[in-house]
């Protein structure tokens, strides 16, 4: 069994969904409720995955580790398709995730409300441009991976929900919206949301 440190609604949701899609049991621990969490990950960020005697602390590294370890349609074996899948994962983790991260940073650290709104709008415009890239990639297919959801689709779906926390207009195209809706309807995505909510109810 894997152990995953998470924060509710954070990018660790994607890791949980993928682990369940891979048929792996996972014990989830709320990082905010662990006083020793920074000893596990000095950065203080989730996800953190414990796999036997291995501790992995970077989201993309965790995703690639579990996808390499367990065969599934989420990570194709064909070399060209696998390279495309890795590129999609890195776009989600290293491009889209930080773009949303700027919204959180600005909301927390800019005190002047007018300046905050201007900078939030600028950050949102960058996010909208990234979603346009995804929309163009979905022009002739339902998911980035083709006919079925990929790990990157799952990651992007988690990030897409963060825009509702801020007073900005996040514009997502029709094809992308259809993809995001389909991913959120996956039984393991629903199960992950329910697991986090159940954990919160116990606190």
N, C-alpha and C. Protein backbone atom coordinates (compact mmCIF):
# COMPACT_ATOMS: atom_id res chain seq x y z
N UNK A 1 0.84 -1.20 0.00
CA UNK A 1 0.00 0.00 0.00
C UNK A 1 0.87 1.25 0.00
N UNK A 2 0.44 2.23 -0.76
CA UNK A 2 1.12 3.53 -0.77
C UNK A 2 0.55 4.42 0.35
N UNK A 3 1.38 5.34 0.81
CA UNK A 3 0.93 6.39 1.72
C UNK A 3 1.12 7.73 1.01
N UNK A 4 0.06 8.52 0.99
CA UNK A 4 0.09 9.80 0.28
C UNK A 4 -0.30 10.92 1.23
N UNK A 5 0.57 11.90 1.35
CA UNK A 5 0.24 13.12 2.10
C UNK A 5 -0.42 14.09 1.14
N UNK A 6 -1.56 14.64 1.58
CA UNK A 6 -2.36 15.48 0.71
C UNK A 6 -2.83 16.72 1.46
N UNK A 7 -3.34 17.69 0.70
CA UNK A 7 -4.14 18.79 1.23
C UNK A 7 -5.41 18.80 0.41
N UNK A 8 -6.54 19.03 1.05
CA UNK A 8 -7.82 18.89 0.36
C UNK A 8 -7.91 19.81 -0.84
N UNK A 9 -8.27 19.21 -1.99
CA UNK A 9 -8.45 19.96 -3.22
C UNK A 9 -7.17 20.35 -3.93
N UNK A 10 -6.01 20.00 -3.35
CA UNK A 10 -4.73 20.37 -3.94
C UNK A 10 -4.37 19.42 -5.07
N UNK A 11 -3.18 19.61 -5.65
CA UNK A 11 -2.76 18.79 -6.78
C UNK A 11 -2.61 17.32 -6.40
N UNK A 12 -2.54 17.02 -5.12
CA UNK A 12 -2.46 15.64 -4.66
C UNK A 12 -3.71 14.84 -5.03
N UNK A 13 -4.82 15.53 -5.35
CA UNK A 13 -6.02 14.85 -5.82
C UNK A 13 -5.69 14.00 -7.04
N UNK A 14 -4.92 14.57 -7.97
CA UNK A 14 -4.59 13.85 -9.20
C UNK A 14 -3.81 12.58 -8.90
N UNK A 15 -2.91 12.65 -7.94
CA UNK A 15 -2.13 11.46 -7.58
C UNK A 15 -3.04 10.37 -7.04
N UNK A 16 -3.99 10.77 -6.19
CA UNK A 16 -4.94 9.79 -5.65
C UNK A 16 -5.75 9.13 -6.75
N UNK A 17 -6.27 9.95 -7.68
CA UNK A 17 -7.09 9.41 -8.75
C UNK A 17 -6.30 8.41 -9.58
N UNK A 18 -5.07 8.77 -9.94
CA UNK A 18 -4.25 7.89 -10.76
C UNK A 18 -3.93 6.60 -10.03
N UNK A 19 -3.59 6.68 -8.75
CA UNK A 19 -3.32 5.46 -7.99
C UNK A 19 -4.54 4.53 -7.99
N UNK A 20 -5.71 5.10 -7.85
CA UNK A 20 -6.92 4.27 -7.86
C UNK A 20 -7.19 3.72 -9.26
N UNK A 21 -6.91 4.50 -10.29
CA UNK A 21 -7.04 4.00 -11.66
C UNK A 21 -6.07 2.84 -11.91
N UNK A 22 -4.94 2.86 -11.24
CA UNK A 22 -3.95 1.80 -11.38
C UNK A 22 -4.27 0.59 -10.49
N UNK A 23 -5.37 0.70 -9.74
CA UNK A 23 -5.77 -0.41 -8.88
C UNK A 23 -4.94 -0.55 -7.61
N UNK A 24 -4.33 0.55 -7.17
CA UNK A 24 -3.46 0.51 -6.00
C UNK A 24 -4.16 1.09 -4.76
N UNK A 25 -3.98 0.41 -3.65
CA UNK A 25 -4.52 0.93 -2.39
C UNK A 25 -3.66 2.10 -1.93
N UNK A 26 -4.30 3.09 -1.34
CA UNK A 26 -3.56 4.25 -0.88
C UNK A 26 -4.13 4.73 0.46
N UNK A 27 -3.25 4.97 1.39
CA UNK A 27 -3.62 5.57 2.67
C UNK A 27 -3.32 7.06 2.56
N UNK A 28 -4.34 7.89 2.80
CA UNK A 28 -4.12 9.33 2.67
C UNK A 28 -4.03 9.98 4.05
N UNK A 29 -3.09 10.90 4.17
CA UNK A 29 -2.85 11.63 5.41
C UNK A 29 -2.86 13.12 5.12
N UNK A 30 -3.65 13.87 5.85
CA UNK A 30 -3.72 15.32 5.67
C UNK A 30 -2.42 15.94 6.18
N UNK A 31 -1.63 16.51 5.27
CA UNK A 31 -0.35 17.09 5.64
C UNK A 31 -0.49 18.21 6.66
N UNK A 32 -1.61 18.94 6.61
CA UNK A 32 -1.80 20.06 7.52
C UNK A 32 -2.06 19.62 8.95
N UNK A 33 -2.37 18.33 9.11
CA UNK A 33 -2.63 17.81 10.45
C UNK A 33 -1.44 17.06 11.02
N UNK A 34 -0.32 17.08 10.30
CA UNK A 34 0.89 16.38 10.73
C UNK A 34 1.93 17.42 11.14
N UNK A 35 2.20 17.51 12.43
CA UNK A 35 3.15 18.50 12.94
C UNK A 35 4.57 18.25 12.45
N UNK A 36 4.85 17.04 12.00
CA UNK A 36 6.20 16.69 11.56
C UNK A 36 6.33 16.67 10.03
N UNK A 37 5.34 17.23 9.34
CA UNK A 37 5.33 17.10 7.88
C UNK A 37 6.58 17.71 7.24
N UNK A 38 7.07 18.81 7.77
CA UNK A 38 8.24 19.45 7.16
C UNK A 38 9.51 18.63 7.34
N UNK A 39 9.48 17.68 8.23
CA UNK A 39 10.62 16.74 8.32
C UNK A 39 10.56 15.75 7.17
N UNK A 40 9.35 15.49 6.69
CA UNK A 40 9.17 14.58 5.56
C UNK A 40 9.47 15.31 4.26
N UNK A 41 8.94 16.53 4.14
CA UNK A 41 9.21 17.37 2.96
C UNK A 41 9.50 18.79 3.44
N UNK A 42 10.77 19.18 3.51
CA UNK A 42 11.14 20.51 4.01
C UNK A 42 10.46 21.65 3.27
N UNK A 43 10.06 21.43 2.01
CA UNK A 43 9.37 22.48 1.25
C UNK A 43 7.96 22.70 1.79
N UNK A 44 7.41 21.68 2.41
CA UNK A 44 6.06 21.78 2.98
C UNK A 44 4.94 21.63 1.98
N UNK A 45 5.26 21.11 0.80
CA UNK A 45 4.27 20.99 -0.27
C UNK A 45 3.80 19.55 -0.45
N UNK A 46 2.57 19.41 -0.95
CA UNK A 46 2.03 18.12 -1.32
C UNK A 46 1.98 18.05 -2.86
N UNK A 47 1.94 16.83 -3.41
CA UNK A 47 1.87 15.54 -2.73
C UNK A 47 3.24 15.05 -2.27
N UNK A 48 3.21 14.17 -1.28
CA UNK A 48 4.37 13.37 -0.89
C UNK A 48 3.92 11.92 -0.88
N UNK A 49 4.66 11.08 -1.56
CA UNK A 49 4.30 9.67 -1.66
C UNK A 49 5.34 8.81 -0.97
N UNK A 50 4.88 7.93 -0.10
CA UNK A 50 5.75 6.95 0.54
C UNK A 50 5.51 5.61 -0.16
N UNK A 51 6.55 5.08 -0.75
CA UNK A 51 6.50 3.79 -1.44
C UNK A 51 7.59 2.91 -0.85
N UNK A 52 7.22 2.10 0.16
CA UNK A 52 8.21 1.29 0.84
C UNK A 52 9.22 2.18 1.53
N UNK A 53 10.49 2.04 1.15
CA UNK A 53 11.54 2.87 1.75
C UNK A 53 11.85 4.12 0.93
N UNK A 54 11.02 4.39 -0.07
CA UNK A 54 11.21 5.58 -0.92
C UNK A 54 10.23 6.67 -0.52
N UNK A 55 10.73 7.91 -0.47
CA UNK A 55 9.88 9.08 -0.24
C UNK A 55 10.05 10.01 -1.42
N UNK A 56 8.97 10.25 -2.15
CA UNK A 56 8.99 11.13 -3.32
C UNK A 56 8.22 12.40 -3.00
N UNK A 57 8.79 13.55 -3.39
CA UNK A 57 8.23 14.82 -2.96
C UNK A 57 7.86 15.77 -4.09
N UNK A 58 8.02 15.39 -5.34
CA UNK A 58 7.67 16.26 -6.46
C UNK A 58 6.55 15.63 -7.26
N UNK A 59 5.50 16.41 -7.56
CA UNK A 59 4.31 15.87 -8.19
C UNK A 59 4.56 15.13 -9.49
N UNK A 60 5.35 15.71 -10.40
CA UNK A 60 5.60 15.05 -11.67
C UNK A 60 6.42 13.79 -11.48
N UNK A 61 7.40 13.83 -10.58
CA UNK A 61 8.22 12.64 -10.31
C UNK A 61 7.37 11.52 -9.73
N UNK A 62 6.45 11.89 -8.84
CA UNK A 62 5.54 10.89 -8.26
C UNK A 62 4.67 10.28 -9.36
N UNK A 63 4.12 11.13 -10.22
CA UNK A 63 3.24 10.64 -11.28
C UNK A 63 3.98 9.69 -12.21
N UNK A 64 5.17 10.06 -12.64
CA UNK A 64 5.94 9.21 -13.54
C UNK A 64 6.39 7.92 -12.85
N UNK A 65 6.69 7.99 -11.57
CA UNK A 65 7.10 6.80 -10.82
C UNK A 65 5.99 5.76 -10.80
N UNK A 66 4.79 6.18 -10.46
CA UNK A 66 3.71 5.19 -10.35
C UNK A 66 3.24 4.72 -11.73
N UNK A 67 3.32 5.58 -12.73
CA UNK A 67 2.93 5.17 -14.07
C UNK A 67 3.92 4.19 -14.68
N UNK A 68 5.20 4.38 -14.37
CA UNK A 68 6.22 3.45 -14.84
C UNK A 68 6.14 2.11 -14.12
N UNK A 69 5.68 2.15 -12.88
CA UNK A 69 5.66 0.95 -12.04
C UNK A 69 4.47 0.04 -12.36
N UNK A 70 3.35 0.65 -12.76
CA UNK A 70 2.12 -0.12 -12.98
C UNK A 70 1.60 0.14 -14.39
N UNK A 71 1.58 -0.87 -15.21
CA UNK A 71 1.10 -0.73 -16.59
C UNK A 71 -0.38 -0.37 -16.62
N UNK A 72 -0.73 0.55 -17.51
CA UNK A 72 -2.14 0.93 -17.67
C UNK A 72 -2.28 1.78 -18.92
N UNK A 73 -3.50 1.96 -19.41
CA UNK A 73 -3.72 2.84 -20.56
C UNK A 73 -3.37 4.31 -20.27
N UNK A 74 -3.22 4.66 -19.00
CA UNK A 74 -2.85 6.03 -18.65
C UNK A 74 -1.46 6.40 -19.16
N UNK A 75 -0.63 5.39 -19.42
CA UNK A 75 0.76 5.64 -19.81
C UNK A 75 1.13 4.64 -20.92
N UNK A 76 0.99 5.05 -22.18
CA UNK A 76 1.16 4.11 -23.30
C UNK A 76 2.57 3.54 -23.37
N UNK A 77 2.67 2.34 -23.93
CA UNK A 77 3.97 1.68 -24.07
C UNK A 77 4.69 2.08 -25.35
N UNK A 78 3.94 2.46 -26.39
CA UNK A 78 4.55 2.93 -27.62
C UNK A 78 5.45 4.14 -27.34
N UNK A 79 6.66 4.13 -27.87
CA UNK A 79 7.65 5.16 -27.53
C UNK A 79 7.17 6.57 -27.85
N UNK A 80 6.62 6.77 -29.04
CA UNK A 80 6.17 8.12 -29.41
C UNK A 80 5.00 8.57 -28.55
N UNK A 81 4.05 7.67 -28.31
CA UNK A 81 2.89 8.01 -27.48
C UNK A 81 3.30 8.28 -26.05
N UNK A 82 4.29 7.51 -25.57
CA UNK A 82 4.76 7.72 -24.20
C UNK A 82 5.46 9.07 -24.07
N UNK A 83 6.25 9.42 -25.06
CA UNK A 83 6.91 10.73 -25.04
C UNK A 83 5.88 11.85 -25.01
N UNK A 84 4.82 11.71 -25.81
CA UNK A 84 3.74 12.71 -25.81
C UNK A 84 3.08 12.76 -24.44
N UNK A 85 2.87 11.61 -23.81
CA UNK A 85 2.25 11.57 -22.49
C UNK A 85 3.12 12.27 -21.45
N UNK A 86 4.43 12.04 -21.51
CA UNK A 86 5.35 12.71 -20.58
C UNK A 86 5.31 14.22 -20.79
N UNK A 87 5.30 14.63 -22.05
CA UNK A 87 5.23 16.07 -22.35
C UNK A 87 3.95 16.68 -21.79
N UNK A 88 2.83 15.98 -21.94
CA UNK A 88 1.56 16.48 -21.41
C UNK A 88 1.59 16.60 -19.89
N UNK A 89 2.18 15.60 -19.23
CA UNK A 89 2.30 15.63 -17.77
C UNK A 89 3.15 16.83 -17.34
N UNK A 90 4.24 17.06 -18.04
CA UNK A 90 5.12 18.17 -17.67
C UNK A 90 4.46 19.52 -17.96
N UNK A 91 3.69 19.61 -19.05
CA UNK A 91 2.94 20.85 -19.31
C UNK A 91 1.98 21.12 -18.15
N UNK A 92 1.26 20.09 -17.73
CA UNK A 92 0.32 20.26 -16.62
C UNK A 92 1.04 20.67 -15.35
N UNK A 93 2.12 19.97 -15.02
CA UNK A 93 2.79 20.19 -13.75
C UNK A 93 3.66 21.44 -13.73
N UNK A 94 4.38 21.69 -14.82
CA UNK A 94 5.39 22.75 -14.81
C UNK A 94 4.93 24.04 -15.49
N UNK A 95 3.80 24.00 -16.19
CA UNK A 95 3.31 25.20 -16.87
C UNK A 95 1.95 25.64 -16.34
N UNK A 96 0.96 24.74 -16.40
CA UNK A 96 -0.38 25.12 -15.94
C UNK A 96 -0.44 25.28 -14.42
N UNK A 97 0.15 24.36 -13.69
CA UNK A 97 0.11 24.43 -12.22
C UNK A 97 0.71 25.74 -11.71
N UNK A 98 1.93 26.13 -12.13
CA UNK A 98 2.47 27.41 -11.66
C UNK A 98 1.63 28.62 -12.07
N UNK A 99 0.97 28.53 -13.24
CA UNK A 99 0.13 29.64 -13.68
C UNK A 99 -1.01 29.87 -12.69
N UNK A 100 -1.63 28.78 -12.23
CA UNK A 100 -2.66 28.91 -11.19
C UNK A 100 -2.03 29.30 -9.86
N UNK A 101 -0.82 28.82 -9.61
CA UNK A 101 -0.14 29.15 -8.37
C UNK A 101 0.05 30.64 -8.19
N UNK A 102 0.22 31.35 -9.30
CA UNK A 102 0.37 32.81 -9.21
C UNK A 102 -0.88 33.47 -8.66
N UNK A 103 -2.05 32.91 -8.97
CA UNK A 103 -3.28 33.46 -8.41
C UNK A 103 -3.27 33.38 -6.89
N UNK A 104 -2.88 32.22 -6.37
CA UNK A 104 -2.82 32.04 -4.92
C UNK A 104 -1.81 33.00 -4.30
N UNK A 105 -0.64 33.15 -4.95
CA UNK A 105 0.40 34.02 -4.41
C UNK A 105 -0.08 35.47 -4.37
N UNK A 106 -0.67 35.94 -5.46
CA UNK A 106 -1.12 37.32 -5.51
C UNK A 106 -2.23 37.59 -4.50
N UNK A 107 -3.16 36.65 -4.37
CA UNK A 107 -4.26 36.82 -3.42
C UNK A 107 -3.76 36.92 -1.99
N UNK A 108 -2.68 36.22 -1.69
CA UNK A 108 -2.16 36.20 -0.32
C UNK A 108 -1.20 37.35 -0.01
N UNK A 109 -0.50 37.85 -1.04
CA UNK A 109 0.61 38.77 -0.75
C UNK A 109 0.45 40.19 -1.27
N UNK A 110 -0.58 40.46 -2.06
CA UNK A 110 -0.81 41.84 -2.52
C UNK A 110 -1.95 42.43 -1.70
N UNK A 111 -1.65 43.48 -0.96
CA UNK A 111 -2.64 44.05 -0.03
C UNK A 111 -3.52 45.12 -0.68
N UNK A 112 -2.97 45.88 -1.62
CA UNK A 112 -3.76 46.91 -2.30
C UNK A 112 -4.78 46.23 -3.21
N UNK A 113 -6.07 46.43 -2.96
CA UNK A 113 -7.11 45.70 -3.67
C UNK A 113 -7.14 46.01 -5.17
N UNK A 114 -6.88 47.27 -5.55
CA UNK A 114 -6.88 47.61 -6.98
C UNK A 114 -5.71 46.94 -7.69
N UNK A 115 -4.55 47.01 -7.07
CA UNK A 115 -3.38 46.36 -7.65
C UNK A 115 -3.58 44.86 -7.71
N UNK A 116 -4.17 44.31 -6.65
CA UNK A 116 -4.42 42.87 -6.61
C UNK A 116 -5.30 42.44 -7.77
N UNK A 117 -6.38 43.19 -8.03
CA UNK A 117 -7.30 42.79 -9.10
C UNK A 117 -6.63 42.88 -10.47
N UNK A 118 -5.83 43.93 -10.67
CA UNK A 118 -5.13 44.07 -11.95
C UNK A 118 -4.18 42.90 -12.17
N UNK A 119 -3.43 42.55 -11.14
CA UNK A 119 -2.45 41.47 -11.28
C UNK A 119 -3.15 40.10 -11.39
N UNK A 120 -4.24 39.94 -10.68
CA UNK A 120 -5.01 38.69 -10.81
C UNK A 120 -5.55 38.54 -12.23
N UNK A 121 -6.04 39.64 -12.79
CA UNK A 121 -6.56 39.60 -14.17
C UNK A 121 -5.46 39.23 -15.16
N UNK A 122 -4.26 39.78 -14.94
CA UNK A 122 -3.13 39.47 -15.83
C UNK A 122 -2.75 37.99 -15.72
N UNK A 123 -2.76 37.48 -14.49
CA UNK A 123 -2.45 36.06 -14.29
C UNK A 123 -3.51 35.18 -14.93
N UNK A 124 -4.77 35.60 -14.83
CA UNK A 124 -5.86 34.84 -15.42
C UNK A 124 -5.76 34.83 -16.94
N UNK A 125 -5.33 35.93 -17.53
CA UNK A 125 -5.17 35.98 -18.98
C UNK A 125 -4.12 34.98 -19.44
N UNK A 126 -3.05 34.85 -18.68
CA UNK A 126 -2.03 33.84 -19.00
C UNK A 126 -2.62 32.43 -18.93
N UNK A 127 -3.43 32.18 -17.91
CA UNK A 127 -4.09 30.88 -17.77
C UNK A 127 -5.01 30.62 -18.96
N UNK A 128 -5.75 31.64 -19.38
CA UNK A 128 -6.66 31.48 -20.52
C UNK A 128 -5.90 31.11 -21.80
N UNK A 129 -4.72 31.69 -21.98
CA UNK A 129 -3.90 31.35 -23.13
C UNK A 129 -3.47 29.89 -23.09
N UNK A 130 -3.17 29.40 -21.90
CA UNK A 130 -2.77 27.99 -21.75
C UNK A 130 -3.95 27.06 -22.05
N UNK A 131 -5.15 27.45 -21.60
CA UNK A 131 -6.32 26.62 -21.90
C UNK A 131 -6.62 26.63 -23.40
N UNK A 132 -6.29 27.70 -24.09
CA UNK A 132 -6.47 27.73 -25.54
C UNK A 132 -5.55 26.71 -26.22
N UNK A 133 -4.37 26.52 -25.65
CA UNK A 133 -3.45 25.51 -26.19
C UNK A 133 -4.05 24.12 -26.03
N UNK A 134 -4.64 23.86 -24.86
CA UNK A 134 -5.29 22.57 -24.63
C UNK A 134 -6.47 22.40 -25.60
N UNK A 135 -7.25 23.45 -25.77
CA UNK A 135 -8.41 23.39 -26.67
C UNK A 135 -7.98 23.00 -28.09
N UNK A 136 -6.88 23.57 -28.55
CA UNK A 136 -6.41 23.26 -29.90
C UNK A 136 -5.95 21.81 -30.00
N UNK A 137 -5.37 21.29 -28.92
CA UNK A 137 -4.91 19.90 -28.93
C UNK A 137 -6.08 18.92 -28.92
N UNK A 138 -7.22 19.36 -28.43
CA UNK A 138 -8.41 18.51 -28.36
C UNK A 138 -9.31 18.66 -29.58
N UNK A 139 -8.84 19.33 -30.60
CA UNK A 139 -9.68 19.59 -31.77
C UNK A 139 -10.18 18.32 -32.43
N UNK A 140 -9.36 17.27 -32.42
CA UNK A 140 -9.73 16.04 -33.12
C UNK A 140 -9.76 14.81 -32.22
N UNK A 141 -9.79 15.03 -30.90
CA UNK A 141 -9.84 13.91 -29.96
C UNK A 141 -10.51 14.33 -28.66
N UNK A 142 -10.95 13.35 -27.90
CA UNK A 142 -11.69 13.65 -26.67
C UNK A 142 -10.79 13.97 -25.48
N UNK A 143 -9.60 13.38 -25.48
CA UNK A 143 -8.66 13.56 -24.37
C UNK A 143 -7.26 13.77 -24.94
N UNK A 144 -6.37 14.31 -24.14
CA UNK A 144 -5.00 14.50 -24.60
C UNK A 144 -4.37 13.18 -25.01
N UNK A 145 -4.76 12.10 -24.32
CA UNK A 145 -4.23 10.78 -24.64
C UNK A 145 -4.97 10.06 -25.73
N UNK A 146 -6.01 10.66 -26.29
CA UNK A 146 -6.78 10.02 -27.35
C UNK A 146 -8.21 9.76 -26.96
N UNK A 147 -8.58 8.48 -26.92
CA UNK A 147 -9.97 8.12 -26.66
C UNK A 147 -10.30 7.98 -25.18
N UNK A 148 -9.30 7.92 -24.33
CA UNK A 148 -9.54 7.75 -22.89
C UNK A 148 -8.68 8.72 -22.10
N UNK A 149 -9.08 9.04 -20.87
CA UNK A 149 -8.33 10.02 -20.08
C UNK A 149 -6.88 9.61 -19.84
N UNK A 150 -6.02 10.57 -19.85
CA UNK A 150 -4.61 10.37 -19.52
C UNK A 150 -4.34 10.96 -18.15
N UNK A 151 -3.14 10.72 -17.63
CA UNK A 151 -2.75 11.32 -16.35
C UNK A 151 -2.78 12.84 -16.43
N UNK A 152 -2.36 13.38 -17.57
CA UNK A 152 -2.35 14.84 -17.73
C UNK A 152 -3.76 15.40 -17.71
N UNK A 153 -4.71 14.70 -18.33
CA UNK A 153 -6.11 15.14 -18.28
C UNK A 153 -6.58 15.24 -16.84
N UNK A 154 -6.22 14.25 -16.04
CA UNK A 154 -6.62 14.23 -14.63
C UNK A 154 -5.98 15.39 -13.88
N UNK A 155 -4.71 15.62 -14.11
CA UNK A 155 -4.01 16.74 -13.46
C UNK A 155 -4.65 18.07 -13.82
N UNK A 156 -4.90 18.27 -15.11
CA UNK A 156 -5.48 19.54 -15.57
C UNK A 156 -6.89 19.75 -15.01
N UNK A 157 -7.62 18.66 -14.85
CA UNK A 157 -8.98 18.77 -14.29
C UNK A 157 -8.93 19.27 -12.86
N UNK A 158 -7.97 18.77 -12.09
CA UNK A 158 -7.81 19.24 -10.70
C UNK A 158 -7.50 20.73 -10.69
N UNK A 159 -6.57 21.17 -11.51
CA UNK A 159 -6.18 22.58 -11.53
C UNK A 159 -7.34 23.47 -11.97
N UNK A 160 -8.15 22.97 -12.90
CA UNK A 160 -9.23 23.79 -13.46
C UNK A 160 -10.22 24.23 -12.39
N UNK A 161 -10.33 23.47 -11.31
CA UNK A 161 -11.29 23.81 -10.26
C UNK A 161 -10.82 24.95 -9.37
N UNK A 162 -9.54 25.30 -9.45
CA UNK A 162 -8.99 26.34 -8.58
C UNK A 162 -9.42 27.74 -8.98
N UNK A 163 -9.81 27.93 -10.23
CA UNK A 163 -10.17 29.27 -10.68
C UNK A 163 -11.37 29.87 -9.95
N UNK A 164 -12.23 29.00 -9.41
CA UNK A 164 -13.43 29.49 -8.72
C UNK A 164 -13.10 30.19 -7.40
N UNK A 165 -11.86 30.05 -6.93
CA UNK A 165 -11.47 30.68 -5.67
C UNK A 165 -11.19 32.17 -5.82
N UNK A 166 -11.15 32.66 -7.07
CA UNK A 166 -10.67 34.03 -7.30
C UNK A 166 -11.66 34.82 -8.16
N UNK A 167 -11.68 36.16 -7.99
CA UNK A 167 -12.60 37.02 -8.76
C UNK A 167 -12.04 37.32 -10.15
N UNK A 168 -11.87 36.27 -10.95
CA UNK A 168 -11.34 36.43 -12.30
C UNK A 168 -12.17 35.58 -13.26
N UNK A 169 -12.02 35.87 -14.55
CA UNK A 169 -12.72 35.11 -15.58
C UNK A 169 -11.75 34.12 -16.23
N UNK A 170 -11.93 32.85 -15.90
CA UNK A 170 -11.15 31.81 -16.54
C UNK A 170 -11.99 31.26 -17.69
N UNK A 171 -11.47 31.36 -18.90
CA UNK A 171 -12.22 30.97 -20.10
C UNK A 171 -11.68 29.63 -20.60
N UNK A 172 -12.55 28.65 -20.59
CA UNK A 172 -12.17 27.30 -21.02
C UNK A 172 -13.07 26.91 -22.19
N UNK A 173 -12.46 26.43 -23.27
CA UNK A 173 -13.18 26.12 -24.49
C UNK A 173 -14.13 24.95 -24.36
N UNK A 174 -14.95 24.79 -25.39
CA UNK A 174 -16.02 23.78 -25.37
C UNK A 174 -15.45 22.36 -25.30
N UNK A 175 -14.45 22.06 -26.12
CA UNK A 175 -13.86 20.72 -26.12
C UNK A 175 -13.18 20.43 -24.79
N UNK A 176 -12.50 21.44 -24.26
CA UNK A 176 -11.81 21.25 -22.98
C UNK A 176 -12.80 21.07 -21.85
N UNK A 177 -13.87 21.84 -21.88
CA UNK A 177 -14.91 21.70 -20.85
C UNK A 177 -15.51 20.30 -20.88
N UNK A 178 -15.72 19.78 -22.07
CA UNK A 178 -16.25 18.41 -22.21
C UNK A 178 -15.29 17.40 -21.62
N UNK A 179 -13.99 17.59 -21.87
CA UNK A 179 -12.98 16.69 -21.33
C UNK A 179 -12.95 16.77 -19.80
N UNK A 180 -12.96 17.97 -19.26
CA UNK A 180 -12.92 18.16 -17.81
C UNK A 180 -14.13 17.54 -17.13
N UNK A 181 -15.29 17.70 -17.75
CA UNK A 181 -16.52 17.13 -17.20
C UNK A 181 -16.45 15.61 -17.18
N UNK A 182 -15.92 15.03 -18.26
CA UNK A 182 -15.79 13.58 -18.34
C UNK A 182 -14.83 13.04 -17.28
N UNK A 183 -13.74 13.75 -17.05
CA UNK A 183 -12.77 13.30 -16.05
C UNK A 183 -13.37 13.37 -14.64
N UNK A 184 -14.08 14.45 -14.35
CA UNK A 184 -14.70 14.58 -13.03
C UNK A 184 -15.79 13.54 -12.79
N UNK A 185 -16.32 12.96 -13.86
CA UNK A 185 -17.35 11.93 -13.73
C UNK A 185 -16.75 10.53 -13.57
N UNK A 186 -15.42 10.42 -13.68
CA UNK A 186 -14.78 9.11 -13.50
C UNK A 186 -15.04 8.61 -12.08
N UNK A 187 -15.42 7.34 -11.91
CA UNK A 187 -15.69 6.80 -10.56
C UNK A 187 -14.55 7.04 -9.58
N UNK A 188 -13.31 6.92 -10.03
CA UNK A 188 -12.18 7.10 -9.10
C UNK A 188 -11.92 8.57 -8.78
N UNK A 189 -12.36 9.48 -9.65
CA UNK A 189 -12.27 10.90 -9.32
C UNK A 189 -13.31 11.22 -8.24
N UNK A 190 -14.50 10.70 -8.42
CA UNK A 190 -15.56 10.90 -7.42
C UNK A 190 -15.17 10.27 -6.09
N UNK A 191 -14.60 9.07 -6.15
CA UNK A 191 -14.19 8.37 -4.93
C UNK A 191 -13.11 9.16 -4.18
N UNK A 192 -12.21 9.78 -4.93
CA UNK A 192 -11.15 10.58 -4.31
C UNK A 192 -11.72 11.80 -3.61
N UNK A 193 -12.64 12.51 -4.27
CA UNK A 193 -13.30 13.65 -3.62
C UNK A 193 -14.01 13.22 -2.34
N UNK A 194 -14.69 12.09 -2.40
CA UNK A 194 -15.42 11.59 -1.23
C UNK A 194 -14.47 11.20 -0.12
N UNK A 195 -13.32 10.62 -0.45
CA UNK A 195 -12.35 10.23 0.56
C UNK A 195 -11.78 11.44 1.29
N UNK A 196 -11.49 12.51 0.54
CA UNK A 196 -10.98 13.72 1.18
C UNK A 196 -12.04 14.37 2.06
N UNK A 197 -13.27 14.40 1.58
CA UNK A 197 -14.34 14.99 2.38
C UNK A 197 -14.58 14.20 3.67
N UNK A 198 -14.47 12.87 3.56
CA UNK A 198 -14.64 12.03 4.75
C UNK A 198 -13.54 12.28 5.77
N UNK A 199 -12.32 12.47 5.27
CA UNK A 199 -11.20 12.76 6.16
C UNK A 199 -11.41 14.10 6.85
N UNK A 200 -11.89 15.10 6.12
CA UNK A 200 -12.12 16.43 6.70
C UNK A 200 -13.20 16.38 7.76
N UNK A 201 -14.20 15.55 7.54
CA UNK A 201 -15.32 15.43 8.49
C UNK A 201 -14.86 14.85 9.82
N UNK A 202 -13.77 14.09 9.79
CA UNK A 202 -13.26 13.48 11.02
C UNK A 202 -12.44 14.44 11.87
N UNK A 203 -11.99 15.53 11.25
CA UNK A 203 -11.09 16.46 11.96
C UNK A 203 -11.87 17.40 12.89
